[in-house]
N, C-alpha and C. Protein backbone atom coordinates (compact mmCIF):
# COMPACT_ATOMS: atom_id res chain seq x y z
N UNK A 1 44.49 -11.59 -25.17
CA UNK A 1 44.20 -11.62 -23.75
C UNK A 1 43.55 -10.31 -23.30
N UNK A 2 44.02 -9.21 -23.84
CA UNK A 2 43.50 -7.91 -23.48
C UNK A 2 42.01 -7.80 -23.83
N UNK A 3 41.59 -8.29 -24.97
CA UNK A 3 40.18 -8.26 -25.36
C UNK A 3 39.34 -9.19 -24.48
N UNK A 4 39.95 -10.29 -24.04
CA UNK A 4 39.25 -11.20 -23.12
C UNK A 4 38.94 -10.49 -21.80
N UNK A 5 39.89 -9.74 -21.26
CA UNK A 5 39.67 -9.00 -20.02
C UNK A 5 38.60 -7.93 -20.20
N UNK A 6 38.60 -7.30 -21.36
CA UNK A 6 37.57 -6.30 -21.64
C UNK A 6 36.19 -6.95 -21.69
N UNK A 7 36.11 -8.12 -22.30
CA UNK A 7 34.86 -8.84 -22.38
C UNK A 7 34.35 -9.21 -20.99
N UNK A 8 35.25 -9.73 -20.16
CA UNK A 8 34.89 -10.10 -18.78
C UNK A 8 34.41 -8.85 -18.03
N UNK A 9 35.13 -7.75 -18.19
CA UNK A 9 34.75 -6.50 -17.53
C UNK A 9 33.37 -6.04 -17.97
N UNK A 10 33.11 -6.12 -19.27
CA UNK A 10 31.79 -5.74 -19.78
C UNK A 10 30.69 -6.65 -19.23
N UNK A 11 30.96 -7.94 -19.16
CA UNK A 11 29.99 -8.88 -18.61
C UNK A 11 29.72 -8.59 -17.15
N UNK A 12 30.75 -8.30 -16.39
CA UNK A 12 30.57 -7.97 -14.98
C UNK A 12 29.77 -6.68 -14.81
N UNK A 13 30.06 -5.70 -15.63
CA UNK A 13 29.31 -4.46 -15.59
C UNK A 13 27.85 -4.69 -15.97
N UNK A 14 27.63 -5.47 -17.01
CA UNK A 14 26.27 -5.76 -17.45
C UNK A 14 25.51 -6.52 -16.38
N UNK A 15 26.17 -7.50 -15.75
CA UNK A 15 25.53 -8.27 -14.69
C UNK A 15 25.17 -7.36 -13.53
N UNK A 16 26.07 -6.47 -13.17
CA UNK A 16 25.79 -5.52 -12.10
C UNK A 16 24.63 -4.62 -12.46
N UNK A 17 24.57 -4.18 -13.70
CA UNK A 17 23.46 -3.33 -14.16
C UNK A 17 22.16 -4.09 -14.13
N UNK A 18 22.18 -5.35 -14.56
CA UNK A 18 20.96 -6.15 -14.53
C UNK A 18 20.49 -6.36 -13.11
N UNK A 19 21.40 -6.65 -12.20
CA UNK A 19 21.02 -6.84 -10.81
C UNK A 19 20.44 -5.56 -10.24
N UNK A 20 21.00 -4.43 -10.62
CA UNK A 20 20.46 -3.15 -10.15
C UNK A 20 19.04 -2.95 -10.65
N UNK A 21 18.75 -3.42 -11.85
CA UNK A 21 17.41 -3.26 -12.43
C UNK A 21 16.38 -4.14 -11.72
N UNK A 22 16.81 -5.22 -11.12
CA UNK A 22 15.87 -6.12 -10.46
C UNK A 22 15.29 -5.51 -9.21
N UNK A 23 15.99 -4.57 -8.60
CA UNK A 23 15.52 -3.94 -7.38
C UNK A 23 15.25 -2.47 -7.65
N UNK A 24 14.01 -2.12 -8.03
CA UNK A 24 13.73 -0.74 -8.39
C UNK A 24 13.77 0.22 -7.22
N UNK A 25 13.72 -0.28 -6.00
CA UNK A 25 13.79 0.57 -4.82
C UNK A 25 15.24 0.99 -4.60
N UNK A 26 15.53 2.28 -4.64
CA UNK A 26 16.93 2.72 -4.53
C UNK A 26 17.60 2.29 -3.23
N UNK A 27 16.82 2.05 -2.19
CA UNK A 27 17.40 1.60 -0.93
C UNK A 27 17.62 0.10 -0.92
N UNK A 28 17.12 -0.59 -1.95
CA UNK A 28 17.28 -2.03 -2.01
C UNK A 28 16.29 -2.76 -1.10
N UNK A 29 15.25 -2.06 -0.65
CA UNK A 29 14.27 -2.69 0.23
C UNK A 29 13.49 -3.75 -0.54
N UNK A 30 13.25 -4.85 0.11
CA UNK A 30 12.51 -5.92 -0.56
C UNK A 30 11.13 -6.11 0.05
N UNK A 31 10.78 -5.31 1.04
CA UNK A 31 9.46 -5.41 1.65
C UNK A 31 8.86 -4.02 1.84
N UNK A 32 7.56 -3.98 1.88
CA UNK A 32 6.86 -2.72 2.14
C UNK A 32 7.10 -2.35 3.60
N UNK A 33 7.30 -1.08 3.83
CA UNK A 33 7.48 -0.56 5.19
C UNK A 33 6.09 -0.33 5.80
N UNK A 34 5.50 -1.39 6.31
CA UNK A 34 4.18 -1.27 6.91
C UNK A 34 4.29 -0.54 8.24
N UNK A 35 3.32 0.31 8.50
CA UNK A 35 3.28 1.08 9.74
C UNK A 35 1.95 0.83 10.44
N UNK A 36 1.94 1.17 11.72
CA UNK A 36 0.66 1.21 12.43
C UNK A 36 -0.04 2.52 12.05
N UNK A 37 -1.29 2.63 12.40
CA UNK A 37 -2.03 3.87 12.14
C UNK A 37 -1.30 5.04 12.79
N UNK A 38 -0.93 4.89 14.05
CA UNK A 38 -0.29 5.98 14.80
C UNK A 38 1.06 6.36 14.18
N UNK A 39 1.85 5.39 13.78
CA UNK A 39 3.13 5.67 13.15
C UNK A 39 2.95 6.47 11.86
N UNK A 40 1.96 6.11 11.07
CA UNK A 40 1.70 6.82 9.81
C UNK A 40 1.24 8.25 10.07
N UNK A 41 0.40 8.44 11.08
CA UNK A 41 -0.08 9.78 11.42
C UNK A 41 1.10 10.66 11.85
N UNK A 42 1.96 10.11 12.69
CA UNK A 42 3.13 10.86 13.17
C UNK A 42 4.10 11.17 12.03
N UNK A 43 4.35 10.20 11.17
CA UNK A 43 5.24 10.42 10.02
C UNK A 43 4.66 11.47 9.09
N UNK A 44 3.35 11.41 8.88
CA UNK A 44 2.67 12.36 7.99
C UNK A 44 2.74 13.78 8.54
N UNK A 45 2.73 13.93 9.85
CA UNK A 45 2.83 15.26 10.45
C UNK A 45 4.22 15.86 10.21
N UNK A 46 5.24 15.01 10.20
CA UNK A 46 6.61 15.48 9.99
C UNK A 46 6.91 15.71 8.51
N UNK A 47 6.47 14.79 7.67
CA UNK A 47 6.72 14.87 6.23
C UNK A 47 5.45 14.38 5.51
N UNK A 48 4.55 15.30 5.14
CA UNK A 48 3.28 14.90 4.53
C UNK A 48 3.46 14.02 3.29
N UNK A 49 2.61 13.00 3.24
CA UNK A 49 2.63 12.04 2.14
C UNK A 49 1.27 11.36 2.12
N UNK A 50 0.87 10.87 0.99
CA UNK A 50 -0.38 10.12 0.92
C UNK A 50 -0.25 8.82 1.71
N UNK A 51 -1.39 8.32 2.15
CA UNK A 51 -1.43 7.12 2.98
C UNK A 51 -2.25 6.05 2.27
N UNK A 52 -1.73 4.84 2.25
CA UNK A 52 -2.45 3.69 1.71
C UNK A 52 -2.69 2.73 2.87
N UNK A 53 -3.95 2.42 3.13
CA UNK A 53 -4.31 1.55 4.25
C UNK A 53 -4.81 0.23 3.71
N UNK A 54 -4.21 -0.85 4.19
CA UNK A 54 -4.65 -2.20 3.85
C UNK A 54 -5.50 -2.71 4.99
N UNK A 55 -6.82 -2.73 4.81
CA UNK A 55 -7.72 -3.29 5.82
C UNK A 55 -7.80 -4.79 5.59
N UNK A 56 -7.46 -5.55 6.63
CA UNK A 56 -7.42 -7.00 6.52
C UNK A 56 -7.96 -7.61 7.81
N UNK A 57 -8.13 -8.93 7.77
CA UNK A 57 -8.41 -9.70 8.99
C UNK A 57 -7.51 -10.93 8.98
N UNK A 58 -7.33 -11.51 10.13
CA UNK A 58 -6.47 -12.69 10.25
C UNK A 58 -7.04 -13.89 9.50
N UNK A 59 -8.35 -13.98 9.35
CA UNK A 59 -8.98 -15.14 8.72
C UNK A 59 -9.16 -14.99 7.21
N UNK A 60 -8.82 -13.84 6.65
CA UNK A 60 -9.09 -13.53 5.24
C UNK A 60 -8.08 -14.20 4.31
N UNK A 61 -8.53 -15.16 3.54
CA UNK A 61 -7.66 -15.87 2.59
C UNK A 61 -7.15 -14.99 1.47
N UNK A 62 -8.00 -14.11 0.93
CA UNK A 62 -7.57 -13.21 -0.15
C UNK A 62 -6.55 -12.19 0.36
N UNK A 63 -6.68 -11.80 1.63
CA UNK A 63 -5.69 -10.90 2.24
C UNK A 63 -4.32 -11.57 2.28
N UNK A 64 -4.32 -12.83 2.69
CA UNK A 64 -3.06 -13.58 2.76
C UNK A 64 -2.46 -13.78 1.37
N UNK A 65 -3.33 -14.02 0.39
CA UNK A 65 -2.84 -14.19 -0.97
C UNK A 65 -2.22 -12.89 -1.49
N UNK A 66 -2.84 -11.77 -1.18
CA UNK A 66 -2.30 -10.48 -1.62
C UNK A 66 -0.96 -10.21 -0.93
N UNK A 67 -0.86 -10.57 0.35
CA UNK A 67 0.41 -10.42 1.07
C UNK A 67 1.51 -11.25 0.43
N UNK A 68 1.16 -12.45 -0.02
CA UNK A 68 2.15 -13.39 -0.56
C UNK A 68 2.49 -13.14 -2.03
N UNK A 69 1.65 -12.37 -2.73
CA UNK A 69 1.91 -12.16 -4.16
C UNK A 69 2.09 -10.68 -4.47
N UNK A 70 1.04 -9.92 -4.44
CA UNK A 70 1.06 -8.53 -4.86
C UNK A 70 1.99 -7.67 -4.01
N UNK A 71 1.89 -7.80 -2.69
CA UNK A 71 2.65 -6.92 -1.80
C UNK A 71 4.13 -7.28 -1.70
N UNK A 72 4.57 -8.34 -2.39
CA UNK A 72 6.00 -8.66 -2.42
C UNK A 72 6.61 -8.40 -3.80
N UNK A 73 5.79 -7.99 -4.75
CA UNK A 73 6.30 -7.67 -6.08
C UNK A 73 7.26 -6.49 -5.96
N UNK A 74 8.47 -6.59 -6.53
CA UNK A 74 9.46 -5.51 -6.39
C UNK A 74 8.96 -4.14 -6.87
N UNK A 75 8.19 -4.10 -7.94
CA UNK A 75 7.68 -2.81 -8.43
C UNK A 75 6.68 -2.21 -7.44
N UNK A 76 5.83 -3.04 -6.88
CA UNK A 76 4.86 -2.58 -5.88
C UNK A 76 5.58 -2.09 -4.63
N UNK A 77 6.52 -2.88 -4.14
CA UNK A 77 7.28 -2.52 -2.94
C UNK A 77 7.95 -1.16 -3.14
N UNK A 78 8.62 -0.99 -4.26
CA UNK A 78 9.33 0.27 -4.52
C UNK A 78 8.37 1.45 -4.60
N UNK A 79 7.26 1.27 -5.30
CA UNK A 79 6.30 2.37 -5.48
C UNK A 79 5.66 2.76 -4.15
N UNK A 80 5.23 1.76 -3.40
CA UNK A 80 4.61 2.05 -2.10
C UNK A 80 5.60 2.76 -1.20
N UNK A 81 6.80 2.21 -1.05
CA UNK A 81 7.78 2.79 -0.15
C UNK A 81 8.20 4.20 -0.56
N UNK A 82 8.18 4.48 -1.84
CA UNK A 82 8.60 5.80 -2.31
C UNK A 82 7.51 6.85 -2.19
N UNK A 83 6.24 6.45 -2.34
CA UNK A 83 5.17 7.45 -2.48
C UNK A 83 4.11 7.46 -1.38
N UNK A 84 4.05 6.45 -0.55
CA UNK A 84 2.98 6.35 0.44
C UNK A 84 3.52 6.00 1.81
N UNK A 85 2.74 6.32 2.83
CA UNK A 85 2.89 5.68 4.12
C UNK A 85 1.90 4.52 4.06
N UNK A 86 2.40 3.32 4.24
CA UNK A 86 1.56 2.13 4.13
C UNK A 86 1.16 1.66 5.52
N UNK A 87 -0.13 1.51 5.72
CA UNK A 87 -0.67 1.08 7.01
C UNK A 87 -1.30 -0.28 6.85
N UNK A 88 -0.89 -1.22 7.68
CA UNK A 88 -1.50 -2.54 7.76
C UNK A 88 -2.46 -2.46 8.93
N UNK A 89 -3.75 -2.52 8.66
CA UNK A 89 -4.76 -2.30 9.70
C UNK A 89 -5.68 -3.51 9.84
N UNK A 90 -5.56 -4.21 10.95
CA UNK A 90 -6.44 -5.34 11.25
C UNK A 90 -7.80 -4.78 11.62
N UNK A 91 -8.78 -4.98 10.77
CA UNK A 91 -10.11 -4.41 10.96
C UNK A 91 -10.86 -5.01 12.14
N UNK A 92 -10.28 -6.05 12.76
CA UNK A 92 -10.88 -6.65 13.94
C UNK A 92 -9.99 -6.49 15.18
N UNK A 93 -9.03 -5.58 15.10
CA UNK A 93 -8.14 -5.40 16.25
C UNK A 93 -8.91 -4.84 17.43
N UNK A 94 -8.45 -5.16 18.61
CA UNK A 94 -9.16 -4.79 19.83
C UNK A 94 -8.62 -3.52 20.48
N UNK A 95 -7.46 -3.05 20.04
CA UNK A 95 -6.87 -1.84 20.63
C UNK A 95 -7.63 -0.60 20.18
N UNK A 96 -7.91 0.28 21.14
CA UNK A 96 -8.55 1.55 20.82
C UNK A 96 -7.54 2.48 20.17
N UNK A 97 -8.03 3.37 19.32
CA UNK A 97 -7.18 4.34 18.63
C UNK A 97 -7.79 5.72 18.80
N UNK A 98 -6.97 6.66 19.23
CA UNK A 98 -7.41 8.04 19.35
C UNK A 98 -6.93 8.78 18.12
N UNK A 99 -7.88 9.43 17.44
CA UNK A 99 -7.56 10.20 16.25
C UNK A 99 -8.51 11.38 16.15
N UNK A 100 -7.99 12.56 15.93
CA UNK A 100 -8.80 13.78 15.84
C UNK A 100 -9.74 13.93 17.04
N UNK A 101 -9.21 13.73 18.22
CA UNK A 101 -9.96 13.88 19.48
C UNK A 101 -11.15 12.94 19.59
N UNK A 102 -11.09 11.84 18.88
CA UNK A 102 -12.14 10.82 18.99
C UNK A 102 -11.47 9.46 19.24
N UNK A 103 -12.05 8.68 20.12
CA UNK A 103 -11.52 7.35 20.40
C UNK A 103 -12.34 6.32 19.64
N UNK A 104 -11.65 5.57 18.79
CA UNK A 104 -12.29 4.50 18.02
C UNK A 104 -12.04 3.19 18.75
N UNK A 105 -13.10 2.40 18.93
CA UNK A 105 -13.03 1.16 19.71
C UNK A 105 -13.35 -0.05 18.85
N UNK A 106 -13.07 -1.20 19.41
CA UNK A 106 -13.52 -2.47 18.85
C UNK A 106 -14.97 -2.65 19.24
N UNK A 107 -15.79 -3.08 18.30
CA UNK A 107 -17.22 -3.32 18.54
C UNK A 107 -17.48 -4.81 18.38
N UNK A 108 -17.81 -5.51 19.48
CA UNK A 108 -18.16 -6.93 19.34
C UNK A 108 -19.46 -7.05 18.52
N UNK A 109 -19.48 -8.07 17.65
CA UNK A 109 -20.65 -8.25 16.80
C UNK A 109 -20.74 -9.72 16.43
N UNK A 110 -21.51 -10.49 17.17
CA UNK A 110 -21.60 -11.92 16.93
C UNK A 110 -20.28 -12.61 17.23
N UNK A 111 -19.88 -13.57 16.39
CA UNK A 111 -18.61 -14.28 16.60
C UNK A 111 -17.41 -13.37 16.37
N UNK A 112 -17.59 -12.41 15.51
CA UNK A 112 -16.52 -11.46 15.20
C UNK A 112 -17.03 -10.06 15.45
N UNK A 113 -16.11 -9.15 15.48
CA UNK A 113 -16.50 -7.75 15.61
C UNK A 113 -15.74 -6.94 14.58
N UNK A 114 -15.70 -5.65 14.79
CA UNK A 114 -14.98 -4.77 13.87
C UNK A 114 -14.47 -3.57 14.65
N UNK A 115 -13.49 -2.95 14.10
CA UNK A 115 -12.94 -1.74 14.70
C UNK A 115 -13.66 -0.54 14.10
N UNK A 116 -14.04 0.41 14.95
CA UNK A 116 -14.79 1.58 14.48
C UNK A 116 -14.02 2.40 13.44
N UNK A 117 -12.70 2.45 13.55
CA UNK A 117 -11.93 3.22 12.57
C UNK A 117 -12.00 2.55 11.19
N UNK A 118 -11.89 1.24 11.15
CA UNK A 118 -12.04 0.52 9.88
C UNK A 118 -13.42 0.79 9.29
N UNK A 119 -14.43 0.70 10.13
CA UNK A 119 -15.80 0.95 9.71
C UNK A 119 -15.95 2.36 9.13
N UNK A 120 -15.36 3.35 9.82
CA UNK A 120 -15.45 4.74 9.37
C UNK A 120 -14.70 4.95 8.05
N UNK A 121 -13.55 4.32 7.90
CA UNK A 121 -12.74 4.50 6.68
C UNK A 121 -13.47 4.04 5.42
N UNK A 122 -14.34 3.03 5.57
CA UNK A 122 -15.03 2.48 4.39
C UNK A 122 -16.55 2.72 4.43
N UNK A 123 -16.97 3.71 5.20
CA UNK A 123 -18.39 4.05 5.30
C UNK A 123 -19.26 2.84 5.63
N UNK A 124 -18.75 1.98 6.48
CA UNK A 124 -19.53 0.83 6.93
C UNK A 124 -19.56 -0.34 5.97
N UNK A 125 -18.92 -0.24 4.82
CA UNK A 125 -18.93 -1.31 3.82
C UNK A 125 -17.72 -2.21 4.02
N UNK A 126 -17.71 -2.97 5.10
CA UNK A 126 -16.57 -3.81 5.45
C UNK A 126 -16.48 -5.04 4.57
N UNK A 127 -15.36 -5.19 3.89
CA UNK A 127 -15.03 -6.40 3.15
C UNK A 127 -13.51 -6.45 3.09
N UNK A 128 -12.98 -7.65 2.90
CA UNK A 128 -11.53 -7.81 3.01
C UNK A 128 -10.97 -8.62 1.85
N UNK A 129 -9.82 -8.20 1.35
CA UNK A 129 -9.08 -6.99 1.71
C UNK A 129 -9.74 -5.76 1.10
N UNK A 130 -9.51 -4.61 1.71
CA UNK A 130 -9.91 -3.33 1.14
C UNK A 130 -8.76 -2.35 1.33
N UNK A 131 -8.45 -1.63 0.27
CA UNK A 131 -7.44 -0.58 0.36
C UNK A 131 -8.16 0.76 0.41
N UNK A 132 -7.64 1.64 1.26
CA UNK A 132 -8.17 3.00 1.37
C UNK A 132 -6.99 3.94 1.17
N UNK A 133 -7.17 4.91 0.28
CA UNK A 133 -6.14 5.89 0.00
C UNK A 133 -6.56 7.23 0.58
N UNK A 134 -5.64 7.88 1.29
CA UNK A 134 -5.90 9.18 1.91
C UNK A 134 -4.88 10.21 1.44
N UNK A 135 -5.31 11.46 1.39
CA UNK A 135 -4.38 12.56 1.12
C UNK A 135 -3.57 12.82 2.39
N UNK A 136 -2.51 13.62 2.28
CA UNK A 136 -1.77 13.99 3.49
C UNK A 136 -2.64 14.74 4.51
N UNK A 137 -3.74 15.35 4.05
CA UNK A 137 -4.66 16.05 4.95
C UNK A 137 -5.74 15.12 5.51
N UNK A 138 -5.57 13.83 5.26
CA UNK A 138 -6.47 12.79 5.75
C UNK A 138 -7.85 12.82 5.09
N UNK A 139 -7.90 13.30 3.86
CA UNK A 139 -9.12 13.26 3.07
C UNK A 139 -9.08 11.99 2.23
N UNK A 140 -10.19 11.31 2.16
CA UNK A 140 -10.22 10.05 1.42
C UNK A 140 -10.18 10.30 -0.08
N UNK A 141 -9.29 9.57 -0.73
CA UNK A 141 -9.19 9.61 -2.19
C UNK A 141 -10.11 8.56 -2.78
N UNK A 142 -9.99 7.33 -2.27
CA UNK A 142 -10.83 6.26 -2.78
C UNK A 142 -10.81 5.06 -1.84
N UNK A 143 -11.84 4.25 -1.96
CA UNK A 143 -11.96 2.96 -1.28
C UNK A 143 -11.90 1.91 -2.38
N UNK A 144 -11.05 0.90 -2.19
CA UNK A 144 -10.90 -0.12 -3.22
C UNK A 144 -10.99 -1.52 -2.61
N UNK A 145 -12.17 -2.13 -2.64
CA UNK A 145 -12.32 -3.46 -2.06
C UNK A 145 -11.81 -4.56 -3.01
N UNK A 146 -11.39 -5.67 -2.41
CA UNK A 146 -11.05 -6.86 -3.18
C UNK A 146 -9.57 -7.07 -3.42
N UNK A 147 -9.27 -8.30 -3.82
CA UNK A 147 -7.90 -8.68 -4.15
C UNK A 147 -7.42 -7.90 -5.37
N UNK A 148 -6.16 -7.50 -5.34
CA UNK A 148 -5.56 -6.77 -6.47
C UNK A 148 -4.32 -7.50 -6.96
N UNK A 149 -4.27 -7.87 -8.22
CA UNK A 149 -3.00 -8.34 -8.78
C UNK A 149 -2.08 -7.13 -8.94
N UNK A 150 -0.83 -7.39 -9.21
CA UNK A 150 0.17 -6.32 -9.30
C UNK A 150 -0.23 -5.20 -10.25
N UNK A 151 -0.64 -5.53 -11.47
CA UNK A 151 -0.97 -4.47 -12.44
C UNK A 151 -2.15 -3.62 -11.99
N UNK A 152 -3.14 -4.25 -11.38
CA UNK A 152 -4.29 -3.51 -10.88
C UNK A 152 -3.91 -2.57 -9.74
N UNK A 153 -3.06 -3.05 -8.85
CA UNK A 153 -2.63 -2.21 -7.73
C UNK A 153 -1.77 -1.05 -8.22
N UNK A 154 -0.89 -1.32 -9.16
CA UNK A 154 -0.04 -0.25 -9.69
C UNK A 154 -0.90 0.85 -10.33
N UNK A 155 -1.93 0.46 -11.05
CA UNK A 155 -2.83 1.43 -11.69
C UNK A 155 -3.52 2.29 -10.62
N UNK A 156 -4.01 1.64 -9.58
CA UNK A 156 -4.67 2.36 -8.49
C UNK A 156 -3.73 3.34 -7.80
N UNK A 157 -2.53 2.87 -7.52
CA UNK A 157 -1.58 3.71 -6.81
C UNK A 157 -1.20 4.94 -7.65
N UNK A 158 -1.02 4.75 -8.95
CA UNK A 158 -0.72 5.90 -9.83
C UNK A 158 -1.89 6.89 -9.84
N UNK A 159 -3.11 6.35 -9.88
CA UNK A 159 -4.31 7.19 -9.85
C UNK A 159 -4.32 8.07 -8.61
N UNK A 160 -4.00 7.49 -7.47
CA UNK A 160 -3.97 8.25 -6.22
C UNK A 160 -2.76 9.16 -6.13
N UNK A 161 -1.60 8.65 -6.41
CA UNK A 161 -0.35 9.40 -6.26
C UNK A 161 -0.27 10.59 -7.21
N UNK A 162 -0.66 10.41 -8.45
CA UNK A 162 -0.53 11.45 -9.46
C UNK A 162 -1.72 12.42 -9.50
N UNK A 163 -2.59 12.33 -8.49
CA UNK A 163 -3.75 13.22 -8.36
C UNK A 163 -4.71 13.16 -9.53
N UNK A 164 -4.74 12.05 -10.22
CA UNK A 164 -5.65 11.88 -11.36
C UNK A 164 -7.10 11.92 -10.87
N UNK A 165 -7.32 11.50 -9.63
CA UNK A 165 -8.66 11.49 -9.06
C UNK A 165 -9.29 12.90 -9.01
N UNK A 166 -8.46 13.94 -9.07
CA UNK A 166 -8.98 15.31 -9.05
C UNK A 166 -9.64 15.70 -10.36
N UNK A 167 -9.26 15.02 -11.47
CA UNK A 167 -9.82 15.35 -12.78
C UNK A 167 -10.72 14.25 -13.36
N UNK A 168 -10.58 13.02 -12.85
CA UNK A 168 -11.27 11.92 -13.51
C UNK A 168 -11.74 10.89 -12.48
N UNK A 169 -12.94 10.40 -12.67
CA UNK A 169 -13.45 9.34 -11.79
C UNK A 169 -12.67 8.06 -12.06
N UNK A 170 -12.57 7.23 -11.03
CA UNK A 170 -11.83 5.97 -11.12
C UNK A 170 -12.35 5.11 -12.26
N UNK A 171 -13.65 5.02 -12.43
CA UNK A 171 -14.22 4.17 -13.47
C UNK A 171 -13.77 4.61 -14.86
N UNK A 172 -13.73 5.92 -15.09
CA UNK A 172 -13.26 6.44 -16.38
C UNK A 172 -11.79 6.15 -16.59
N UNK A 173 -11.02 6.39 -15.55
CA UNK A 173 -9.56 6.14 -15.65
C UNK A 173 -9.29 4.68 -15.93
N UNK A 174 -10.02 3.81 -15.27
CA UNK A 174 -9.84 2.36 -15.44
C UNK A 174 -10.13 1.95 -16.88
N UNK A 175 -11.17 2.50 -17.48
CA UNK A 175 -11.53 2.13 -18.84
C UNK A 175 -10.52 2.64 -19.87
N UNK A 176 -9.93 3.81 -19.62
CA UNK A 176 -9.02 4.43 -20.57
C UNK A 176 -7.57 3.98 -20.42
N UNK A 177 -7.24 3.37 -19.32
CA UNK A 177 -5.84 3.01 -19.06
C UNK A 177 -5.68 1.53 -18.80
């Protein structure tokens, strides 16, 4: 009977350990802590950290797919929450944003328009989804257009977070890793 109790105890411990492994985020968070642009700027002023911006639109199917797959992956959630301020930025939002003493507005353009800040972040090359990585000093690290599966996003985030971009171009890093 004593060995049976030990076995049960070991199984319970193992199960607890396995469950702990399923959630790599130490806080147990299961979603990315998305912020507004202003929230990220304020948080960055208090505790500097790199910023990852997800430029999306409400009509973008690939954006929705990335939200439903890549951005809910536990490894992605944990990495983003630990290393970045994550900004969800609707590139067609109508609210003006003041940043660095400049007011960025919505620009109507045919049936749809665009937000000037989104336009500025990607040098006018608007496509969705697009991720933009910034340093804590608000210097752009890279622009990354298109849908990203989990492994592709993890590679990009490591490239930005670990400052690999300071020694190696993204294309070289992508080929070697």
